[in-house]
Amino acid sequence: MLLSVTDNLSVRYLQSRRKAGAAESYECPTFRPLPRSKAWPGWHSPRMAIFDDLEAEQDRLEEILGGLDGAQWAAPSAAPGWTVADVVLHLAQSEEAVIASAAGASLRAGPGSGTTVDQIMDDLVKAEREKPSLIFRRWREARRGAVSALRAADPGQPMSWVEAPLKPATMATTRLAEHWAHGLDITGPLGIPFPDTDRLRHIAWLAHRSLPYAFALVGVGAQDVACDLTAPDGTAHWRYGPEDADSVISGPAGAFCRVAAQRLRPEESGLQASGPHGAAALRLLRTYAA
């Protein structure tokens, strides 16, 4: 059962904040827009349509999965050690955890366990493998239930999650990011087209807003870093961070999101990093908990 395992997780970032005398809970980065006079052109709120965009990303994946044959379900994915079926099972388990959290279950844990999140997720997948048709049905039911729960949740009330409590809109953003990243894991090895969409703006926002957390993991304080990203249409620009930041990451949004999801090496991304903290920010970029 997912909850019994994740209840033993060690929330390392929360522990580090407690040692420093910080507040008991850490709110995963939420959107606090700059005043319009200070915002960059192309200012964007990820809260806009996030639930609709999450559903759209999942709809795309469902259509792809619905066309797979048995050999494709059993084929290796780009996630090490997992087949395509394993990846979908992991997504189903994660969506069930969202539903449980929305219902009031606690997914946070106290100190003690040295087990990594990746190890726990791998153990869960190994324990619950079954026929692809059953996995597919399980994920379809879970993903619809999770979106419904997120839509119905109090938008200002953080929900319990693995590394820190998240408000529903931020939770939806992380779910979109995970489904997109695992969509790459599924479609890449199978040679199935998976073009970038404007929904990447949510993932890019999440990666930028997670930079303070990423810096904190290596013992560095938050740094002013801006991002100037070219949207998938090749013309629009998505800009995040202080307009006068000395450090900037620029380039294609798709590459930026792939680096953040650890699907692309920074040095192979074509992204440009400038300023005193740009290279470090690009190296530390993430959309996931440690």
Protein backbone atom coordinates (compact mmCIF):
# COMPACT_ATOMS: atom_id res chain seq x y z
CA MET A 1 0.00 0.00 0.00
CA LEU A 2 1.41 3.34 -1.05
CA LEU A 3 0.62 5.28 2.10
CA SER A 4 2.31 2.81 4.44
CA VAL A 5 5.56 3.15 2.52
CA THR A 6 5.58 6.89 1.99
CA ASP A 7 4.73 7.41 5.66
CA ASN A 8 8.32 6.32 6.36
CA LEU A 9 9.95 8.90 4.10
CA SER A 10 12.54 11.27 5.53
CA VAL A 11 11.76 14.87 4.60
CA ARG A 12 15.32 16.09 4.36
CA TYR A 13 14.64 19.65 3.37
CA LEU A 14 12.16 20.15 6.21
CA GLN A 15 14.70 18.73 8.63
CA SER A 16 17.38 21.13 7.44
CA ARG A 17 15.02 24.06 7.95
CA ARG A 18 14.16 22.90 11.47
CA LYS A 19 17.85 22.70 12.34
CA ALA A 20 18.22 26.26 11.15
CA GLY A 21 15.30 27.35 13.31
CA ALA A 22 12.92 27.80 10.39
CA ALA A 23 9.19 27.25 10.46
CA GLU A 24 7.89 23.72 10.91
CA SER A 25 6.45 23.45 7.41
CA TYR A 26 7.89 24.46 4.08
CA GLU A 27 5.49 25.69 1.45
CA CYS A 28 6.59 24.48 -1.95
CA PRO A 29 7.15 27.53 -4.14
CA THR A 30 3.82 29.20 -4.87
CA PHE A 31 3.23 31.90 -7.39
CA ARG A 32 3.70 35.43 -6.09
CA PRO A 33 3.58 37.70 -9.13
CA LEU A 34 5.83 40.70 -9.39
CA PRO A 35 4.04 44.04 -9.57
CA ARG A 36 3.10 44.68 -13.17
CA SER A 37 5.54 47.57 -13.30
CA LYS A 38 8.41 45.20 -12.43
CA ALA A 39 7.32 42.14 -14.35
CA TRP A 40 9.03 41.17 -17.56
CA PRO A 41 7.10 41.18 -20.85
CA GLY A 42 5.44 37.81 -21.23
CA TRP A 43 4.55 37.70 -17.51
CA HIS A 44 2.76 34.46 -16.84
CA SER A 45 0.76 32.91 -14.03
CA PRO A 46 0.98 29.09 -13.88
CA ARG A 47 -2.28 29.02 -11.92
CA MET A 48 -4.09 29.97 -15.12
CA ALA A 49 -5.82 26.85 -16.47
CA ILE A 50 -3.49 24.48 -14.63
CA PHE A 51 -6.19 21.90 -13.96
CA ASP A 52 -7.38 22.00 -17.58
CA ASP A 53 -3.80 21.70 -18.80
CA LEU A 54 -3.11 18.78 -16.48
CA GLU A 55 -6.13 17.00 -17.90
CA ALA A 56 -5.05 17.79 -21.44
CA GLU A 57 -1.57 16.34 -20.83
CA GLN A 58 -3.10 13.20 -19.36
CA ASP A 59 -5.60 12.95 -22.24
CA ARG A 60 -2.69 12.98 -24.69
CA LEU A 61 -0.93 10.22 -22.79
CA GLU A 62 -4.11 8.16 -22.54
CA GLU A 63 -4.58 8.31 -26.30
CA ILE A 64 -1.01 7.11 -26.82
CA LEU A 65 -1.32 4.30 -24.29
CA GLY A 66 -4.62 3.18 -25.76
CA GLY A 67 -2.87 2.45 -29.05
CA LEU A 68 -0.06 0.29 -27.65
CA ASP A 69 0.14 -3.45 -28.23
CA GLY A 70 1.36 -6.05 -25.75
CA ALA A 71 4.95 -5.93 -26.93
CA GLN A 72 5.05 -2.15 -26.52
CA TRP A 73 3.66 -2.32 -22.99
CA ALA A 74 6.39 -4.82 -22.13
CA ALA A 75 9.15 -2.83 -23.85
CA PRO A 76 11.83 -1.05 -21.83
CA SER A 77 11.11 2.59 -21.14
CA ALA A 78 13.70 5.32 -20.74
CA ALA A 79 13.24 5.04 -16.96
CA PRO A 80 16.05 2.68 -15.90
CA GLY A 81 14.79 -0.79 -15.00
CA TRP A 82 11.15 -0.05 -15.84
CA THR A 83 9.00 -1.21 -18.71
CA VAL A 84 6.30 0.99 -20.19
CA ALA A 85 3.79 -0.83 -17.98
CA ASP A 86 5.92 -0.10 -14.92
CA VAL A 87 5.96 3.62 -15.70
CA VAL A 88 2.16 3.72 -16.01
CA LEU A 89 1.80 1.75 -12.79
CA HIS A 90 3.99 4.30 -11.02
CA LEU A 91 1.80 7.11 -12.35
CA ALA A 92 -1.31 5.29 -11.14
CA GLN A 93 0.17 4.83 -7.67
CA SER A 94 1.13 8.50 -7.53
CA GLU A 95 -2.35 9.66 -8.57
CA GLU A 96 -3.87 7.44 -5.90
CA ALA A 97 -1.63 9.19 -3.40
CA VAL A 98 -3.02 12.56 -4.57
CA ILE A 99 -6.55 11.30 -3.94
CA ALA A 100 -5.53 10.06 -0.49
CA SER A 101 -3.90 13.38 0.35
CA ALA A 102 -6.99 15.31 -0.75
CA ALA A 103 -9.01 13.10 1.58
CA GLY A 104 -6.80 14.08 4.51
CA ALA A 105 -4.19 11.30 4.61
CA SER A 106 -0.71 12.29 5.75
CA LEU A 107 2.07 11.51 3.31
CA ARG A 108 4.69 13.33 5.32
CA ALA A 109 6.92 11.52 7.75
CA GLY A 110 9.28 12.16 10.56
CA PRO A 111 13.04 11.59 10.61
CA GLY A 112 14.66 8.21 10.55
CA SER A 113 14.46 6.52 7.18
CA GLY A 114 17.46 6.69 4.91
CA THR A 115 15.54 5.14 2.02
CA THR A 116 15.38 7.34 -1.05
CA VAL A 117 12.17 8.31 -2.80
CA ASP A 118 13.36 6.51 -5.94
CA GLN A 119 13.98 3.29 -4.02
CA ILE A 120 10.54 3.42 -2.44
CA MET A 121 8.83 4.05 -5.77
CA ASP A 122 10.73 1.17 -7.35
CA ASP A 123 9.71 -1.18 -4.54
CA LEU A 124 6.07 -0.15 -4.96
CA VAL A 125 6.14 -0.88 -8.66
CA LYS A 126 7.78 -4.27 -8.14
CA ALA A 127 5.15 -5.18 -5.55
CA GLU A 128 2.13 -4.36 -7.70
CA ARG A 129 2.95 -5.41 -11.25
CA GLU A 130 0.04 -6.90 -13.17
CA LYS A 131 -1.45 -7.14 -16.65
CA PRO A 132 -1.11 -3.99 -18.76
CA SER A 133 -4.87 -3.81 -19.26
CA LEU A 134 -5.42 -3.67 -15.50
CA ILE A 135 -2.64 -1.13 -15.03
CA PHE A 136 -4.08 1.04 -17.78
CA ARG A 137 -7.55 0.95 -16.19
CA ARG A 138 -6.10 1.66 -12.76
CA TRP A 139 -4.25 4.73 -14.03
CA ARG A 140 -7.26 6.04 -15.96
CA GLU A 141 -9.43 5.83 -12.86
CA ALA A 142 -6.77 7.31 -10.59
CA ARG A 143 -5.87 10.22 -12.82
CA ARG A 144 -9.52 11.27 -13.21
CA GLY A 145 -10.11 10.93 -9.50
CA ALA A 146 -7.00 12.97 -8.70
CA VAL A 147 -7.93 15.85 -11.00
CA SER A 148 -11.45 15.91 -9.58
CA ALA A 149 -10.04 15.97 -6.05
CA LEU A 150 -7.65 18.81 -6.89
CA ARG A 151 -10.40 20.87 -8.51
CA ALA A 152 -12.61 20.41 -5.44
CA ALA A 153 -9.88 21.12 -2.87
CA ASP A 154 -9.58 24.37 -0.95
CA PRO A 155 -7.15 26.38 -3.12
CA GLY A 156 -5.50 27.96 -0.10
CA GLN A 157 -5.07 24.80 1.97
CA PRO A 158 -1.78 22.90 1.49
CA MET A 159 -2.09 19.17 0.92
CA SER A 160 0.28 16.61 2.39
CA TRP A 161 2.94 15.34 -0.02
CA VAL A 162 6.23 13.46 0.03
CA GLU A 163 8.75 16.22 0.70
CA ALA A 164 6.53 19.17 1.65
CA PRO A 165 2.87 20.24 1.72
CA LEU A 166 1.61 21.64 -1.57
CA LYS A 167 -1.40 23.79 -2.42
CA PRO A 168 -3.70 22.21 -5.03
CA ALA A 169 -2.51 24.36 -7.95
CA THR A 170 1.13 23.57 -7.19
CA MET A 171 0.26 19.90 -6.73
CA ALA A 172 -1.39 19.92 -10.16
CA THR A 173 1.72 21.51 -11.63
CA THR A 174 3.94 18.76 -10.23
CA ARG A 175 1.55 16.13 -11.58
CA LEU A 176 1.67 17.71 -15.03
CA ALA A 177 5.46 17.77 -14.86
CA GLU A 178 5.64 14.10 -13.90
CA HIS A 179 3.20 12.95 -16.56
CA TRP A 180 5.07 14.92 -19.19
CA ALA A 181 8.47 13.56 -18.13
CA HIS A 182 7.23 9.98 -18.02
CA GLY A 183 5.50 10.57 -21.34
CA LEU A 184 8.98 11.17 -22.73
CA ASP A 185 10.17 7.95 -21.06
CA ILE A 186 7.38 6.01 -22.79
CA THR A 187 7.31 7.55 -26.24
CA GLY A 188 11.03 8.06 -26.82
CA PRO A 189 12.11 4.38 -26.93
CA LEU A 190 8.97 3.47 -28.91
CA GLY A 191 9.57 6.17 -31.51
CA ILE A 192 6.15 7.75 -30.93
CA PRO A 193 5.87 11.50 -31.59
CA PHE A 194 5.50 13.56 -28.40
CA PRO A 195 5.78 17.21 -29.46
CA ASP A 196 6.25 20.04 -26.99
CA THR A 197 3.18 22.14 -26.20
CA ASP A 198 2.46 25.41 -24.44
CA ARG A 199 1.73 23.35 -21.33
CA LEU A 200 5.47 23.37 -20.76
CA ARG A 201 5.04 26.89 -19.34
CA HIS A 202 3.81 25.32 -16.11
CA ILE A 203 6.84 23.04 -15.90
CA ALA A 204 9.23 25.87 -16.67
CA TRP A 205 7.60 27.95 -13.94
CA LEU A 206 7.93 25.07 -11.48
CA ALA A 207 11.62 24.60 -12.31
CA HIS A 208 12.38 28.29 -11.86
CA ARG A 209 10.41 28.60 -8.63
CA SER A 210 12.17 25.50 -7.28
CA LEU A 211 15.63 27.04 -7.68
CA PRO A 212 15.83 28.22 -4.02
CA TYR A 213 15.15 24.61 -2.96
CA ALA A 214 17.76 23.33 -5.42
CA PHE A 215 20.37 25.77 -4.11
CA ALA A 216 19.48 24.85 -0.52
CA LEU A 217 20.20 21.17 -1.21
CA VAL A 218 23.84 22.06 -1.81
CA GLY A 219 24.03 24.48 1.11
CA VAL A 220 23.76 27.69 -0.90
CA GLY A 221 21.34 30.51 -0.24
CA ALA A 222 18.75 31.59 -2.79
CA GLN A 223 20.16 33.55 -5.72
CA ASP A 224 18.48 35.91 -8.18
CA VAL A 225 18.30 34.02 -11.46
CA ALA A 226 16.07 34.93 -14.38
CA CYS A 227 15.00 32.71 -17.24
CA ASP A 228 14.22 33.85 -20.78
CA LEU A 229 12.80 30.88 -22.64
CA THR A 230 11.57 30.47 -26.19
CA ALA A 231 8.15 28.81 -26.29
CA PRO A 232 7.54 25.73 -28.46
CA ASP A 233 6.04 27.91 -31.20
CA GLY A 234 9.49 29.44 -31.68
CA THR A 235 8.33 33.04 -31.30
CA ALA A 236 6.78 33.67 -27.88
CA HIS A 237 9.03 34.13 -24.86
CA TRP A 238 8.37 33.00 -21.30
CA ARG A 239 10.24 35.03 -18.72
CA TYR A 240 10.63 34.26 -15.04
CA GLY A 241 12.54 36.02 -12.29
CA PRO A 242 13.74 39.55 -11.57
CA GLU A 243 14.10 41.76 -14.61
CA ASP A 244 17.42 43.07 -13.32
CA ALA A 245 18.90 39.69 -12.32
CA ASP A 246 22.64 39.41 -13.03
CA SER A 247 22.30 35.68 -13.77
CA VAL A 248 20.19 34.46 -16.67
CA ILE A 249 19.36 31.12 -18.32
CA SER A 250 18.10 31.43 -21.88
CA GLY A 251 17.12 29.12 -24.70
CA PRO A 252 14.34 26.72 -25.75
CA ALA A 253 11.70 26.00 -23.11
CA GLY A 254 11.64 22.34 -24.12
CA ALA A 255 15.34 21.94 -23.40
CA PHE A 256 14.98 23.84 -20.12
CA CYS A 257 12.19 21.53 -18.96
CA ARG A 258 14.09 18.41 -20.00
CA VAL A 259 17.14 19.48 -18.03
CA ALA A 260 14.93 20.18 -15.02
CA ALA A 261 13.38 16.72 -15.34
CA GLN A 262 16.83 15.11 -15.77
CA ARG A 263 15.98 13.95 -19.28
CA LEU A 264 18.76 16.03 -20.84
CA ARG A 265 22.26 16.97 -19.73
CA PRO A 266 22.79 20.72 -19.29
CA GLU A 267 25.88 20.66 -21.50
CA GLU A 268 23.87 19.02 -24.31
CA SER A 269 20.84 21.30 -24.02
CA GLY A 270 21.93 24.31 -26.03
CA LEU A 271 20.82 26.52 -23.14
CA GLN A 272 22.93 29.58 -22.36
CA ALA A 273 23.82 30.49 -18.77
CA SER A 274 25.34 33.83 -17.89
CA GLY A 275 26.20 35.78 -14.76
CA PRO A 276 27.68 34.65 -11.43
CA HIS A 277 25.00 32.03 -10.69
CA GLY A 278 23.65 31.08 -14.11
CA ALA A 279 25.79 27.98 -14.64
CA ALA A 280 25.13 26.69 -11.13
CA ALA A 281 21.39 27.24 -11.53
CA LEU A 282 21.38 25.31 -14.80
CA ARG A 283 23.34 22.47 -13.22
CA LEU A 284 20.99 22.31 -10.19
CA LEU A 285 17.74 22.78 -12.08
CA ARG A 286 14.95 20.39 -11.03
CA THR A 287 11.21 19.84 -10.90
CA TYR A 288 11.31 17.06 -8.30
CA ALA A 289 12.15 16.45 -4.66
CA ALA A 290 15.56 15.14 -3.67
